Amino acid sequence: MIYDLIVLGGGPAGYLAAERAGKAGLNTLLIEKASLGGVCLNEGCIPSKTLLHSAKIYDYARFSSAYGVTAENVVFNHKKVIARKNKVVKILVSGVRNKMRASNVTVVEGHGHILGRDANGIQVEVENKVYQGHRLLIATGSTPLLPPIPGVEEGLKSGFVLTSREILDLPEVPDSLVIIGGGVIGLEMASYYNSAGSKVTIIEMQDQIAGEVDTQIANILMKNYQKNGITFQLNSKVTEILSDGVTYEYNGKRETIKADKVLMSVGRKPAVNGFGLENLGVELEHGAIKTDEYGKTNIPEVYAAGDVNGKYLLAHAAYREAEVCVNNMLGNKDLMRYHAVPSVIYTNPEVASIGETEQSAAAKGIEFEKANLSMRYSGRYLAENEGGDGICKVLVDKKYRHIIGVHMIGNYASEIIYGASILMETEMKIDDIQEIVFPHPTVSEILREAIFEI
């Protein structure tokens, strides 16, 4: 049998592409070497959010007296949290499998290796069986980035050093946890394990946490973490992993900190090795598969979507990229736009952002106006967040009068940011946005309030 489409990788990009293609009538084969759902569902997005929700409930129970509620003998059971996380993942993986079945997608488990192309199409081998397809979508995802720091390999073998995979399944909460890298993964795991009882220290090379997040918001988030007892060591470079700690350089001096566990979370890299890309001649750029706005690679009928293209290592970006690829396969011209892709850090408080920051807009020479409003202007935020210090920052292009960036810190931010995405995608002018009726009282009203400040 020759398939219309072979999808290599069953993560967000892969399984959604297979579902869309199958429903559209393409005879589709999906190849996944581990579990359907990929890293996001099994080792990332969903498991981490399950842990963070339990931690949030625990924190609310412990620190609820300001709201007139007192709880006694509150206990955090890490093993039960992990068990519930596993249950949630199992349910969702089963759901993905059911979607494949309903979409008439054939699922093959095993490591897929591209052999090349012949007169009948593209050949992919799985467990010594060769499959052929007219088209190929590469959605192999990403893997943790492991810098060449002395002691890392030994630490991984001993279990002292963890990646984003192992940190989600620790049987016990470590007394002390050192996290190398203050990005999204590091911050979310710091939030969970701090609530669970670990003494957490974050070591970050840059002068702020949270990567390219708006500097003011990054600083507010760090202050909230510090209030909860998390320690930060910025502008610091880890030089060695010891058997019981970490050595790093700060201001030209070498320091050592002891730890029970170390989380290595300095980022992820596209998974491009070991799949036979060279047998088709797929072009790479900066360690990722090079694609155009249609999801196409340099090889005819070969597409790539998700983390493997190195553009936005986010599941929701992967979903849209997958749809763009399938639409173009079906002859429905579609293209990927990245200017309105939101990002979220699911900590407590949450951080959500989209578009340009003040720093990036200035670097690009974009003239803009801004509103920088306390979230306390929202009645619901004030009612539900005693002592909350969240803000909402909106950037508007001076010439065209539409939004070019929104940045928020405060609970519900993750559920509000999609609204900013719609406003940016449609390029609504702020005069028109002012006429939109927002429900009251909601935290989302802060967007409207901010627009009126410009």
Foldseek 3Di string as FASTA:
>chain_A
DAWQEEEEAQALLRLLLLLVLLQVPTAYEYEHADAHRPCCLQQHVQLLVLLQVLLVVLVCQPPVVVVVDHHPPRADDVQVSLVVSVVSSVVVSVVSVVSCVVSNYHYDYAAWAWQAADPSATWIDGPNDIHHYNFYEYEHAWFFDDDPAAPQVVCVVVVQEAESRVLSPDNDQWQEEEEEAQAQSSVSSLQSSLSNHHQYEYEEQAPFHHPPAFRVVRVVVVVVSVVSRYHYHYNKAWRHDDPFWTWIDDPNDIDIDGTSHYYYHHDIAADDPDRHPVNHPQDDDPRAGDADQQQDTPGPNYGYFECRRVDDNDSVRRNVSSVSNSCVSVVNHDGRDQQLDKDWRVHVFIKIKGADHPVRCVVVVFDKDKFKAFLVVQVVQCSVPPVDGKIWMWIAGPPLQFTGMIIITGHPNVVQSVVNSVSVVVRDHLVVVLPDDDDPRDSNCNVNVGSVVD
